[in-house]
């Protein structure tokens, strides 16, 4: 549920995820929101605490937290608590972001294991290439060798590893998997595999209405910079959505949209509050028509967010997280 449940809103998705064994996120404040919703199960802070004072909240809310550096161990050693903490010791097995290197991992474990403030130590790493041909082999081998005889549960697999390595032995898969983008209908390895290939359904739809229609003649241009020039007579619809709403400005002419559930395209430059789409040849399309920028249209047609993200030169994760607060959000319990 990190990044406010990938932009969907923690409160909006909570009911649909009650069957989870636990939740993982970054911000202590987001963990507090989940506790306020009534969740009494595990909550893991994926990057651990950012300040020694955060440990007080971990004690009060019974939060599990990652430990990835010496400073966090120092904070724990100085922390006064009646309830020892469960921690997830992070290994840098090749990602080179957070975590102890394999050479220093066991000494970090020994320090934690000696602290009365620590109850249970679990082991965690993160794959850098589970979504590509390089795969998980080298990192998994390092992780398994380093933790081989250490007692405790393991958390290894992200969305890509879960989907792409279904035959991984249970021991290698670990005790806890960390499903992220797949929970919201995005393919972690697009374009090699699509959401449809994995049987994933979109959790988010970004849609708006046509608020104006223009009839163009050959040679007419559209929008700032006259980026689009009509080569034949055509109708375009002006849609009440732009980069201030989170629609990526880098999308250009040809980016797919759905108009009344039928596939069409963006034309011209994305503005702050508007985009323009091709209505030519779409029966009934006009003022008030539904335009789906990504997700599921009212007629059931789906435009994968990954396809739009590729047109913008980014990934679906960013589009989900970038929807602006001013966009009205409607929660469909289905």
C-alpha atoms as a PDB file:
ATOM      1  CA  UNK A   1       0.000   0.000   0.000  1.00  0.00           C
ATOM      2  CA  UNK A   2       2.967   2.330  -0.362  1.00  0.00           C
ATOM      3  CA  UNK A   3       2.473   5.711  -2.048  1.00  0.00           C
ATOM      4  CA  UNK A   4      -1.106   5.940  -0.764  1.00  0.00           C
ATOM      5  CA  UNK A   5      -1.916   2.534  -2.255  1.00  0.00           C
ATOM      6  CA  UNK A   6      -0.211   3.413  -5.558  1.00  0.00           C
ATOM      7  CA  UNK A   7      -2.328   6.540  -5.818  1.00  0.00           C
ATOM      8  CA  UNK A   8      -5.650   4.752  -5.313  1.00  0.00           C
ATOM      9  CA  UNK A   9      -6.124   5.900  -1.721  1.00  0.00           C
ATOM     10  CA  UNK A  10      -5.581   3.639   1.289  1.00  0.00           C
ATOM     11  CA  UNK A  11      -9.135   4.095   2.514  1.00  0.00           C
ATOM     12  CA  UNK A  12     -10.511   3.282  -0.950  1.00  0.00           C
ATOM     13  CA  UNK A  13      -8.746  -0.054  -1.344  1.00  0.00           C
ATOM     14  CA  UNK A  14      -8.681  -1.257   2.253  1.00  0.00           C
ATOM     15  CA  UNK A  15     -11.915  -3.258   2.137  1.00  0.00           C
ATOM     16  CA  UNK A  16     -10.817  -5.028  -1.023  1.00  0.00           C
ATOM     17  CA  UNK A  17      -7.539  -6.071   0.583  1.00  0.00           C
ATOM     18  CA  UNK A  18      -8.748  -7.229   3.990  1.00  0.00           C
ATOM     19  CA  UNK A  19      -7.879 -10.813   3.053  1.00  0.00           C
ATOM     20  CA  UNK A  20      -4.168  -9.945   2.917  1.00  0.00           C
ATOM     21  CA  UNK A  21      -1.857 -11.385   5.568  1.00  0.00           C
ATOM     22  CA  UNK A  22      -0.382  -7.939   6.110  1.00  0.00           C
ATOM     23  CA  UNK A  23       0.257  -4.541   4.608  1.00  0.00           C
ATOM     24  CA  UNK A  24       3.559  -2.965   3.602  1.00  0.00           C
ATOM     25  CA  UNK A  25       4.172   0.737   3.067  1.00  0.00           C
ATOM     26  CA  UNK A  26       6.675   3.518   3.727  1.00  0.00           C
ATOM     27  CA  UNK A  27       5.240   6.307   5.814  1.00  0.00           C
ATOM     28  CA  UNK A  28       4.457   5.845   9.512  1.00  0.00           C
ATOM     29  CA  UNK A  29       1.523   8.207   8.968  1.00  0.00           C
ATOM     30  CA  UNK A  30       0.078   5.792   6.387  1.00  0.00           C
ATOM     31  CA  UNK A  31       0.457   2.939   8.866  1.00  0.00           C
ATOM     32  CA  UNK A  32      -1.513   4.987  11.364  1.00  0.00           C
ATOM     33  CA  UNK A  33      -4.297   5.437   8.810  1.00  0.00           C
ATOM     34  CA  UNK A  34      -4.547   1.672   8.374  1.00  0.00           C
ATOM     35  CA  UNK A  35      -4.705   1.130  12.127  1.00  0.00           C
ATOM     36  CA  UNK A  36      -7.476   3.737  12.303  1.00  0.00           C
ATOM     37  CA  UNK A  37      -9.430   1.679   9.777  1.00  0.00           C
ATOM     38  CA  UNK A  38      -9.454  -1.177  12.267  1.00  0.00           C
ATOM     39  CA  UNK A  39      -6.619  -3.327  10.947  1.00  0.00           C
ATOM     40  CA  UNK A  40      -4.902  -5.240  13.748  1.00  0.00           C
ATOM     41  CA  UNK A  41      -2.673  -7.471  11.644  1.00  0.00           C
ATOM     42  CA  UNK A  42       0.926  -6.964  10.514  1.00  0.00           C
ATOM     43  CA  UNK A  43       2.083  -3.672   9.010  1.00  0.00           C
ATOM     44  CA  UNK A  44       5.636  -3.423   7.691  1.00  0.00           C
ATOM     45  CA  UNK A  45       7.504  -0.155   7.106  1.00  0.00           C
ATOM     46  CA  UNK A  46       9.483  -1.072   3.992  1.00  0.00           C
ATOM     47  CA  UNK A  47      12.229   1.511   4.477  1.00  0.00           C
ATOM     48  CA  UNK A  48      12.175   1.330   8.238  1.00  0.00           C
ATOM     49  CA  UNK A  49      12.101   4.376  10.467  1.00  0.00           C
ATOM     50  CA  UNK A  50      13.380   7.721   9.225  1.00  0.00           C
ATOM     51  CA  UNK A  51      14.003   9.139  12.679  1.00  0.00           C
ATOM     52  CA  UNK A  52      14.566   7.718  16.152  1.00  0.00           C
ATOM     53  CA  UNK A  53      11.234   9.208  17.226  1.00  0.00           C
ATOM     54  CA  UNK A  54       9.429   6.968  14.720  1.00  0.00           C
ATOM     55  CA  UNK A  55      10.255   4.007  16.958  1.00  0.00           C
ATOM     56  CA  UNK A  56       7.785   5.343  19.520  1.00  0.00           C
ATOM     57  CA  UNK A  57       5.045   5.043  16.916  1.00  0.00           C
ATOM     58  CA  UNK A  58       6.243   1.530  16.036  1.00  0.00           C
ATOM     59  CA  UNK A  59       5.901   0.562  19.685  1.00  0.00           C
ATOM     60  CA  UNK A  60       2.478   2.170  20.064  1.00  0.00           C
ATOM     61  CA  UNK A  61       1.014   0.779  16.825  1.00  0.00           C
ATOM     62  CA  UNK A  62       2.914  -2.535  16.847  1.00  0.00           C
ATOM     63  CA  UNK A  63       4.579  -1.888  13.494  1.00  0.00           C
ATOM     64  CA  UNK A  64       7.183  -4.130  11.946  1.00  0.00           C
ATOM     65  CA  UNK A  65      10.006  -2.238  10.290  1.00  0.00           C
ATOM     66  CA  UNK A  66      12.934  -2.811   7.979  1.00  0.00           C
ATOM     67  CA  UNK A  67      16.493  -2.255   9.182  1.00  0.00           C
ATOM     68  CA  UNK A  68      18.893  -1.393   6.374  1.00  0.00           C
ATOM     69  CA  UNK A  69      21.707   0.636   7.966  1.00  0.00           C
ATOM     70  CA  UNK A  70      23.808   0.965  11.120  1.00  0.00           C
ATOM     71  CA  UNK A  71      22.028   4.162  12.191  1.00  0.00           C
ATOM     72  CA  UNK A  72      18.727   2.332  12.505  1.00  0.00           C
ATOM     73  CA  UNK A  73      20.356  -0.288  14.714  1.00  0.00           C
ATOM     74  CA  UNK A  74      21.825   2.493  16.867  1.00  0.00           C
ATOM     75  CA  UNK A  75      18.377   4.039  17.256  1.00  0.00           C
ATOM     76  CA  UNK A  76      16.929   0.703  18.294  1.00  0.00           C
ATOM     77  CA  UNK A  77      19.696   0.173  20.841  1.00  0.00           C
ATOM     78  CA  UNK A  78      18.819   3.501  22.469  1.00  0.00           C
ATOM     79  CA  UNK A  79      15.053   3.012  22.268  1.00  0.00           C
ATOM     80  CA  UNK A  80      13.151   2.372  25.502  1.00  0.00           C
ATOM     81  CA  UNK A  81      10.206   0.077  24.911  1.00  0.00           C
ATOM     82  CA  UNK A  82       8.130  -2.413  26.855  1.00  0.00           C
ATOM     83  CA  UNK A  83       7.375  -4.388  23.708  1.00  0.00           C
ATOM     84  CA  UNK A  84      10.311  -5.688  21.629  1.00  0.00           C
ATOM     85  CA  UNK A  85      10.065  -5.025  17.902  1.00  0.00           C
ATOM     86  CA  UNK A  86       9.910  -7.354  14.939  1.00  0.00           C
ATOM     87  CA  UNK A  87      12.368  -6.193  12.298  1.00  0.00           C
ATOM     88  CA  UNK A  88      13.159  -7.167   8.722  1.00  0.00           C
ATOM     89  CA  UNK A  89      16.900  -7.043   8.096  1.00  0.00           C
ATOM     90  CA  UNK A  90      17.422  -5.761   4.542  1.00  0.00           C
ATOM     91  CA  UNK A  91      20.175  -7.178   2.349  1.00  0.00           C
ATOM     92  CA  UNK A  92      21.708  -5.359  -0.584  1.00  0.00           C
ATOM     93  CA  UNK A  93      22.032  -8.410  -2.801  1.00  0.00           C
ATOM     94  CA  UNK A  94      22.768  -6.414  -5.946  1.00  0.00           C
ATOM     95  CA  UNK A  95      20.156  -3.665  -6.236  1.00  0.00           C
ATOM     96  CA  UNK A  96      22.553  -1.200  -4.566  1.00  0.00           C
ATOM     97  CA  UNK A  97      19.867   0.909  -2.991  1.00  0.00           C
ATOM     98  CA  UNK A  98      19.147   0.050   0.644  1.00  0.00           C
ATOM     99  CA  UNK A  99      20.533  -2.757   2.760  1.00  0.00           C
ATOM    100  CA  UNK A 100      23.657  -4.304   4.224  1.00  0.00           C
ATOM    101  CA  UNK A 101      26.054  -5.932   1.809  1.00  0.00           C
ATOM    102  CA  UNK A 102      26.396  -9.712   2.112  1.00  0.00           C
ATOM    103  CA  UNK A 103      29.810  -9.238   3.753  1.00  0.00           C
ATOM    104  CA  UNK A 104      28.281  -7.132   6.543  1.00  0.00           C
ATOM    105  CA  UNK A 105      24.889  -8.804   6.791  1.00  0.00           C
ATOM    106  CA  UNK A 106      25.637 -11.408   9.441  1.00  0.00           C
ATOM    107  CA  UNK A 107      27.375  -8.904  11.711  1.00  0.00           C
ATOM    108  CA  UNK A 108      24.307  -6.656  11.467  1.00  0.00           C
ATOM    109  CA  UNK A 109      22.159  -9.655  12.385  1.00  0.00           C
ATOM    110  CA  UNK A 110      24.381 -10.370  15.389  1.00  0.00           C
ATOM    111  CA  UNK A 111      23.995  -6.786  16.621  1.00  0.00           C
ATOM    112  CA  UNK A 112      20.216  -6.934  16.293  1.00  0.00           C
ATOM    113  CA  UNK A 113      20.004 -10.366  17.859  1.00  0.00           C
ATOM    114  CA  UNK A 114      21.799  -9.078  20.940  1.00  0.00           C
ATOM    115  CA  UNK A 115      19.344  -6.231  21.550  1.00  0.00           C
ATOM    116  CA  UNK A 116      16.546  -6.681  24.119  1.00  0.00           C
ATOM    117  CA  UNK A 117      14.542  -4.182  22.012  1.00  0.00           C
ATOM    118  CA  UNK A 118      14.337  -6.744  19.190  1.00  0.00           C
ATOM    119  CA  UNK A 119      12.038  -9.746  19.404  1.00  0.00           C
ATOM    120  CA  UNK A 120      12.125 -11.429  15.999  1.00  0.00           C
ATOM    121  CA  UNK A 121      14.386 -10.881  13.004  1.00  0.00           C
ATOM    122  CA  UNK A 122      13.190 -11.648   9.489  1.00  0.00           C
ATOM    123  CA  UNK A 123      15.230 -11.379   6.295  1.00  0.00           C
ATOM    124  CA  UNK A 124      14.465  -9.331   3.206  1.00  0.00           C
ATOM    125  CA  UNK A 125      15.975  -8.355  -0.131  1.00  0.00           C
ATOM    126  CA  UNK A 126      14.661  -6.798  -3.339  1.00  0.00           C
ATOM    127  CA  UNK A 127      15.208  -7.995  -6.918  1.00  0.00           C
ATOM    128  CA  UNK A 128      16.491  -5.509  -9.466  1.00  0.00           C
ATOM    129  CA  UNK A 129      15.839  -7.620 -12.581  1.00  0.00           C
ATOM    130  CA  UNK A 130      12.886  -9.897 -11.871  1.00  0.00           C
ATOM    131  CA  UNK A 131      11.085  -8.168 -14.754  1.00  0.00           C
ATOM    132  CA  UNK A 132      13.823  -8.776 -17.345  1.00  0.00           C
ATOM    133  CA  UNK A 133      15.871 -11.501 -18.971  1.00  0.00           C
ATOM    134  CA  UNK A 134      18.686 -11.132 -16.429  1.00  0.00           C
ATOM    135  CA  UNK A 135      16.367 -12.624 -13.867  1.00  0.00           C
ATOM    136  CA  UNK A 136      16.658 -13.274 -10.148  1.00  0.00           C
ATOM    137  CA  UNK A 137      19.271 -16.037 -10.103  1.00  0.00           C
ATOM    138  CA  UNK A 138      22.396 -14.128  -9.012  1.00  0.00           C
ATOM    139  CA  UNK A 139      20.665 -12.157  -6.259  1.00  0.00           C
ATOM    140  CA  UNK A 140      18.710 -15.145  -5.002  1.00  0.00           C
ATOM    141  CA  UNK A 141      21.900 -17.204  -4.753  1.00  0.00           C
ATOM    142  CA  UNK A 142      23.636 -14.493  -2.722  1.00  0.00           C
ATOM    143  CA  UNK A 143      20.665 -14.103  -0.416  1.00  0.00           C
ATOM    144  CA  UNK A 144      20.247 -17.828   0.185  1.00  0.00           C
ATOM    145  CA  UNK A 145      23.934 -18.396   0.832  1.00  0.00           C
ATOM    146  CA  UNK A 146      24.219 -15.495   3.271  1.00  0.00           C
ATOM    147  CA  UNK A 147      21.099 -16.377   5.280  1.00  0.00           C
ATOM    148  CA  UNK A 148      21.367 -20.162   4.996  1.00  0.00           C
ATOM    149  CA  UNK A 149      21.573 -21.101   8.684  1.00  0.00           C
ATOM    150  CA  UNK A 150      19.995 -17.995  10.221  1.00  0.00           C
ATOM    151  CA  UNK A 151      16.613 -18.533  11.926  1.00  0.00           C
ATOM    152  CA  UNK A 152      13.729 -16.380  10.757  1.00  0.00           C
ATOM    153  CA  UNK A 153      11.189 -15.798   8.024  1.00  0.00           C
ATOM    154  CA  UNK A 154      12.100 -14.534   4.564  1.00  0.00           C
ATOM    155  CA  UNK A 155      10.528 -11.923   2.258  1.00  0.00           C
ATOM    156  CA  UNK A 156      11.948 -11.906  -1.251  1.00  0.00           C
ATOM    157  CA  UNK A 157       9.468 -11.775  -4.127  1.00  0.00           C
ATOM    158  CA  UNK A 158       7.979  -8.630  -5.650  1.00  0.00           C
ATOM    159  CA  UNK A 159       5.220  -8.610  -8.279  1.00  0.00           C
ATOM    160  CA  UNK A 160       7.531  -9.527 -11.158  1.00  0.00           C
ATOM    161  CA  UNK A 161       9.101 -12.452  -9.310  1.00  0.00           C
ATOM    162  CA  UNK A 162       5.685 -13.750  -8.244  1.00  0.00           C
ATOM    163  CA  UNK A 163       4.363 -13.718 -11.801  1.00  0.00           C
ATOM    164  CA  UNK A 164       7.435 -14.747 -13.778  1.00  0.00           C
ATOM    165  CA  UNK A 165       8.705 -17.516 -11.497  1.00  0.00           C
ATOM    166  CA  UNK A 166       5.600 -19.497 -10.505  1.00  0.00           C
ATOM    167  CA  UNK A 167       7.592 -22.730 -10.184  1.00  0.00           C
ATOM    168  CA  UNK A 168      10.101 -21.309  -7.741  1.00  0.00           C
ATOM    169  CA  UNK A 169      10.563 -23.711  -4.811  1.00  0.00           C
ATOM    170  CA  UNK A 170       8.660 -22.644  -1.707  1.00  0.00           C
ATOM    171  CA  UNK A 171      11.879 -22.224   0.240  1.00  0.00           C
ATOM    172  CA  UNK A 172      13.246 -19.818  -2.351  1.00  0.00           C
ATOM    173  CA  UNK A 173       9.945 -17.944  -2.617  1.00  0.00           C
ATOM    174  CA  UNK A 174      10.085 -17.146   1.080  1.00  0.00           C
ATOM    175  CA  UNK A 175       7.433 -16.763   3.753  1.00  0.00           C
ATOM    176  CA  UNK A 176       6.125 -13.341   2.700  1.00  0.00           C
ATOM    177  CA  UNK A 177       5.656 -12.062  -0.851  1.00  0.00           C
ATOM    178  CA  UNK A 178       5.272  -8.367  -1.565  1.00  0.00           C
ATOM    179  CA  UNK A 179       2.681  -7.924  -4.290  1.00  0.00           C
ATOM    180  CA  UNK A 180       2.641  -4.328  -5.510  1.00  0.00           C
ATOM    181  CA  UNK A 181       1.721  -3.180  -9.006  1.00  0.00           C
ATOM    182  CA  UNK A 182      -0.061  -6.442  -9.844  1.00  0.00           C
ATOM    183  CA  UNK A 183      -2.656  -5.703  -7.143  1.00  0.00           C
ATOM    184  CA  UNK A 184      -3.730  -2.633  -9.102  1.00  0.00           C
ATOM    185  CA  UNK A 185      -3.779  -4.240 -12.549  1.00  0.00           C
ATOM    186  CA  UNK A 186      -0.399  -3.163 -13.911  1.00  0.00           C
ATOM    187  CA  UNK A 187       2.038  -5.552 -15.586  1.00  0.00           C
ATOM    188  CA  UNK A 188       5.499  -5.294 -13.976  1.00  0.00           C
ATOM    189  CA  UNK A 189       7.219  -6.513 -17.139  1.00  0.00           C
ATOM    190  CA  UNK A 190       5.320  -4.574 -19.820  1.00  0.00           C
ATOM    191  CA  UNK A 191       5.687  -4.608 -22.817  1.00  0.00           C
ATOM    192  CA  UNK A 192       7.063  -8.148 -22.771  1.00  0.00           C
ATOM    193  CA  UNK A 193       3.889  -9.179 -20.989  1.00  0.00           C
ATOM    194  CA  UNK A 194       0.633  -7.263 -20.723  1.00  0.00           C
ATOM    195  CA  UNK A 195      -1.890  -7.109 -17.922  1.00  0.00           C
ATOM    196  CA  UNK A 196      -4.178  -9.250 -20.059  1.00  0.00           C
ATOM    197  CA  UNK A 197      -1.433 -11.870 -20.444  1.00  0.00           C
ATOM    198  CA  UNK A 198      -1.273 -12.138 -16.639  1.00  0.00           C
ATOM    199  CA  UNK A 199      -5.052 -12.019 -16.171  1.00  0.00           C
ATOM    200  CA  UNK A 200      -4.890  -8.698 -14.308  1.00  0.00           C
ATOM    201  CA  UNK A 201      -7.796  -6.269 -14.151  1.00  0.00           C
ATOM    202  CA  UNK A 202      -7.424  -2.492 -13.787  1.00  0.00           C
ATOM    203  CA  UNK A 203      -8.235  -1.069 -10.375  1.00  0.00           C
ATOM    204  CA  UNK A 204      -8.093   2.554 -11.562  1.00  0.00           C
ATOM    205  CA  UNK A 205      -9.937   4.295 -14.365  1.00  0.00           C
ATOM    206  CA  UNK A 206      -9.217   7.882 -15.356  1.00  0.00           C
ATOM    207  CA  UNK A 207     -12.095   9.272 -17.397  1.00  0.00           C
ATOM    208  CA  UNK A 208     -13.671  12.611 -18.268  1.00  0.00           C
ATOM    209  CA  UNK A 209     -16.275  14.091 -20.588  1.00  0.00           C
ATOM    210  CA  UNK A 210     -16.076  15.840 -23.926  1.00  0.00           C
ATOM    211  CA  UNK A 211     -16.841  19.495 -23.209  1.00  0.00           C
ATOM    212  CA  UNK A 212     -16.472  20.851 -26.732  1.00  0.00           C
ATOM    213  CA  UNK A 213     -16.365  19.725 -30.357  1.00  0.00           C
ATOM    214  CA  UNK A 214     -14.488  21.251 -33.292  1.00  0.00           C
ATOM    215  CA  UNK A 215     -14.817  20.401 -36.978  1.00  0.00           C
ATOM    216  CA  UNK A 216     -11.494  20.619 -38.778  1.00  0.00           C
ATOM    217  CA  UNK A 217     -10.630  21.034 -42.439  1.00  0.00           C
ATOM    218  CA  UNK A 218      -7.355  19.916 -44.034  1.00  0.00           C
ATOM    219  CA  UNK A 219      -4.573  22.210 -42.874  1.00  0.00           C
ATOM    220  CA  UNK A 220      -6.232  23.194 -39.590  1.00  0.00           C
ATOM    221  CA  UNK A 221      -4.019  22.823 -36.539  1.00  0.00           C
ATOM    222  CA  UNK A 222      -4.773  21.933 -32.933  1.00  0.00           C
ATOM    223  CA  UNK A 223      -3.460  23.274 -29.641  1.00  0.00           C
ATOM    224  CA  UNK A 224      -0.308  24.959 -28.433  1.00  0.00           C
ATOM    225  CA  UNK A 225       2.534  24.921 -30.924  1.00  0.00           C
ATOM    226  CA  UNK A 226       0.206  23.660 -33.677  1.00  0.00           C
ATOM    227  CA  UNK A 227       1.613  20.210 -33.012  1.00  0.00           C
ATOM    228  CA  UNK A 228      -1.165  18.490 -34.982  1.00  0.00           C
ATOM    229  CA  UNK A 229      -2.300  19.345 -38.503  1.00  0.00           C
ATOM    230  CA  UNK A 230      -5.414  17.791 -39.997  1.00  0.00           C
ATOM    231  CA  UNK A 231      -4.826  16.049 -43.317  1.00  0.00           C
ATOM    232  CA  UNK A 232      -8.520  15.510 -43.989  1.00  0.00           C
ATOM    233  CA  UNK A 233     -11.869  16.661 -42.605  1.00  0.00           C
ATOM    234  CA  UNK A 234     -12.254  15.437 -39.035  1.00  0.00           C
ATOM    235  CA  UNK A 235     -14.025  16.031 -35.737  1.00  0.00           C
ATOM    236  CA  UNK A 236     -12.140  16.465 -32.502  1.00  0.00           C
ATOM    237  CA  UNK A 237     -13.417  16.488 -28.945  1.00  0.00           C
ATOM    238  CA  UNK A 238     -12.051  18.696 -26.199  1.00  0.00           C
ATOM    239  CA  UNK A 239     -11.815  16.703 -22.961  1.00  0.00           C
ATOM    240  CA  UNK A 240     -11.757  18.130 -19.442  1.00  0.00           C
ATOM    241  CA  UNK A 241      -8.490  16.542 -18.340  1.00  0.00           C
ATOM    242  CA  UNK A 242      -4.892  17.686 -18.555  1.00  0.00           C
ATOM    243  CA  UNK A 243      -1.504  17.532 -16.923  1.00  0.00           C
ATOM    244  CA  UNK A 244      -2.813  19.358 -13.841  1.00  0.00           C
ATOM    245  CA  UNK A 245      -5.005  16.289 -13.318  1.00  0.00           C
ATOM    246  CA  UNK A 246      -2.117  13.874 -13.713  1.00  0.00           C
ATOM    247  CA  UNK A 247      -2.446  13.046 -17.393  1.00  0.00           C
ATOM    248  CA  UNK A 248       1.151  12.943 -18.670  1.00  0.00           C
ATOM    249  CA  UNK A 249       2.178  15.977 -20.699  1.00  0.00           C
ATOM    250  CA  UNK A 250       4.646  13.886 -22.699  1.00  0.00           C
ATOM    251  CA  UNK A 251       1.840  11.966 -24.403  1.00  0.00           C
ATOM    252  CA  UNK A 252       1.666  12.993 -28.036  1.00  0.00           C
ATOM    253  CA  UNK A 253      -0.570  12.507 -31.028  1.00  0.00           C
ATOM    254  CA  UNK A 254      -1.514   8.856 -31.358  1.00  0.00           C
ATOM    255  CA  UNK A 255      -1.630   8.048 -27.652  1.00  0.00           C
ATOM    256  CA  UNK A 256      -4.619   5.712 -27.294  1.00  0.00           C
ATOM    257  CA  UNK A 257      -7.873   6.730 -25.608  1.00  0.00           C
ATOM    258  CA  UNK A 258     -11.347   5.235 -25.550  1.00  0.00           C
ATOM    259  CA  UNK A 259     -14.288   7.352 -26.704  1.00  0.00           C
ATOM    260  CA  UNK A 260     -17.597   5.830 -25.613  1.00  0.00           C
ATOM    261  CA  UNK A 261     -15.609   2.633 -25.166  1.00  0.00           C
ATOM    262  CA  UNK A 262     -14.224   2.709 -28.731  1.00  0.00           C
ATOM    263  CA  UNK A 263     -10.531   3.020 -29.383  1.00  0.00           C
ATOM    264  CA  UNK A 264      -9.336   6.382 -30.652  1.00  0.00           C
ATOM    265  CA  UNK A 265      -6.341   8.669 -30.213  1.00  0.00           C
ATOM    266  CA  UNK A 266      -5.052  11.852 -28.667  1.00  0.00           C
ATOM    267  CA  UNK A 267      -4.257  14.682 -31.092  1.00  0.00           C
ATOM    268  CA  UNK A 268      -2.066  17.674 -30.386  1.00  0.00           C
ATOM    269  CA  UNK A 269      -0.351  18.768 -27.183  1.00  0.00           C
ATOM    270  CA  UNK A 270      -1.639  18.029 -23.704  1.00  0.00           C
ATOM    271  CA  UNK A 271      -2.678  21.249 -21.964  1.00  0.00           C
ATOM    272  CA  UNK A 272      -2.977  21.982 -18.254  1.00  0.00           C
ATOM    273  CA  UNK A 273      -6.716  21.326 -18.143  1.00  0.00           C
ATOM    274  CA  UNK A 274      -7.600  19.832 -21.524  1.00  0.00           C
ATOM    275  CA  UNK A 275      -6.693  17.277 -24.127  1.00  0.00           C
ATOM    276  CA  UNK A 276      -8.100  16.866 -27.624  1.00  0.00           C
ATOM    277  CA  UNK A 277      -9.131  13.520 -29.064  1.00  0.00           C
ATOM    278  CA  UNK A 278     -10.195  12.256 -32.456  1.00  0.00           C
ATOM    279  CA  UNK A 279     -13.966  11.702 -32.736  1.00  0.00           C
ATOM    280  CA  UNK A 280     -13.926  11.005 -36.469  1.00  0.00           C
ATOM    281  CA  UNK A 281     -15.936   7.928 -37.418  1.00  0.00           C
ATOM    282  CA  UNK A 282     -17.159   7.168 -33.891  1.00  0.00           C
ATOM    283  CA  UNK A 283     -20.930   7.017 -34.038  1.00  0.00           C
ATOM    284  CA  UNK A 284     -22.672   9.116 -31.426  1.00  0.00           C
ATOM    285  CA  UNK A 285     -19.480  10.735 -30.197  1.00  0.00           C
ATOM    286  CA  UNK A 286     -19.871  14.360 -29.238  1.00  0.00           C
ATOM    287  CA  UNK A 287     -20.559  16.692 -26.360  1.00  0.00           C
ATOM    288  CA  UNK A 288     -20.810  14.731 -23.120  1.00  0.00           C
ATOM    289  CA  UNK A 289     -19.205  11.572 -24.488  1.00  0.00           C
ATOM    290  CA  UNK A 290     -17.132   9.523 -22.060  1.00  0.00           C
ATOM    291  CA  UNK A 291     -13.405   9.524 -22.741  1.00  0.00           C
ATOM    292  CA  UNK A 292     -11.313   6.929 -20.924  1.00  0.00           C
ATOM    293  CA  UNK A 293      -7.661   7.873 -20.592  1.00  0.00           C
ATOM    294  CA  UNK A 294      -6.869   4.516 -18.985  1.00  0.00           C
ATOM    295  CA  UNK A 295      -8.776   1.753 -17.267  1.00  0.00           C
ATOM    296  CA  UNK A 296     -12.252   0.382 -17.926  1.00  0.00           C
ATOM    297  CA  UNK A 297     -14.900   2.224 -19.935  1.00  0.00           C
ATOM    298  CA  UNK A 298     -18.594   2.013 -19.114  1.00  0.00           C
ATOM    299  CA  UNK A 299     -19.131  -0.581 -21.844  1.00  0.00           C
ATOM    300  CA  UNK A 300     -16.434  -2.820 -20.348  1.00  0.00           C
ATOM    301  CA  UNK A 301     -13.677  -2.052 -22.851  1.00  0.00           C
ATOM    302  CA  UNK A 302     -10.238  -1.747 -21.237  1.00  0.00           C
ATOM    303  CA  UNK A 303      -7.333   0.541 -22.085  1.00  0.00           C
ATOM    304  CA  UNK A 304      -4.293  -0.717 -20.136  1.00  0.00           C
ATOM    305  CA  UNK A 305      -2.489   1.977 -18.189  1.00  0.00           C
ATOM    306  CA  UNK A 306       0.837   0.465 -19.269  1.00  0.00           C
ATOM    307  CA  UNK A 307       0.074   1.276 -22.913  1.00  0.00           C
ATOM    308  CA  UNK A 308      -0.544   4.931 -22.083  1.00  0.00           C
ATOM    309  CA  UNK A 309       2.565   5.056 -19.909  1.00  0.00           C
ATOM    310  CA  UNK A 310       4.687   3.722 -22.747  1.00  0.00           C
ATOM    311  CA  UNK A 311       3.413   6.516 -24.993  1.00  0.00           C
ATOM    312  CA  UNK A 312       4.514   8.977 -22.301  1.00  0.00           C
ATOM    313  CA  UNK A 313       7.944   7.383 -21.920  1.00  0.00           C
ATOM    314  CA  UNK A 314       7.271   6.249 -18.373  1.00  0.00           C
ATOM    315  CA  UNK A 315       5.675   3.377 -16.440  1.00  0.00           C
ATOM    316  CA  UNK A 316       2.173   2.715 -15.185  1.00  0.00           C
ATOM    317  CA  UNK A 317       3.329   3.068 -11.585  1.00  0.00           C
ATOM    318  CA  UNK A 318       4.020   6.772 -12.139  1.00  0.00           C
ATOM    319  CA  UNK A 319       0.658   7.453 -13.769  1.00  0.00           C
ATOM    320  CA  UNK A 320      -1.206   5.808 -10.892  1.00  0.00           C
ATOM    321  CA  UNK A 321       0.712   7.796  -8.306  1.00  0.00           C
ATOM    322  CA  UNK A 322       0.488  11.101 -10.201  1.00  0.00           C
ATOM    323  CA  UNK A 323      -3.295  11.562 -10.355  1.00  0.00           C
ATOM    324  CA  UNK A 324      -3.869  14.996  -8.823  1.00  0.00           C
ATOM    325  CA  UNK A 325      -5.850  15.609  -5.617  1.00  0.00           C
ATOM    326  CA  UNK A 326      -8.280  17.814  -7.548  1.00  0.00           C
ATOM    327  CA  UNK A 327      -9.559  14.819  -9.539  1.00  0.00           C
ATOM    328  CA  UNK A 328     -12.854  13.565  -8.054  1.00  0.00           C
ATOM    329  CA  UNK A 329     -12.521   9.929  -7.036  1.00  0.00           C
ATOM    330  CA  UNK A 330     -15.489   7.576  -7.212  1.00  0.00           C
ATOM    331  CA  UNK A 331     -15.153   4.223  -5.469  1.00  0.00           C
ATOM    332  CA  UNK A 332     -16.881   1.269  -7.112  1.00  0.00           C
ATOM    333  CA  UNK A 333     -17.297  -1.558  -4.589  1.00  0.00           C
ATOM    334  CA  UNK A 334     -17.474  -4.150  -7.375  1.00  0.00           C
END
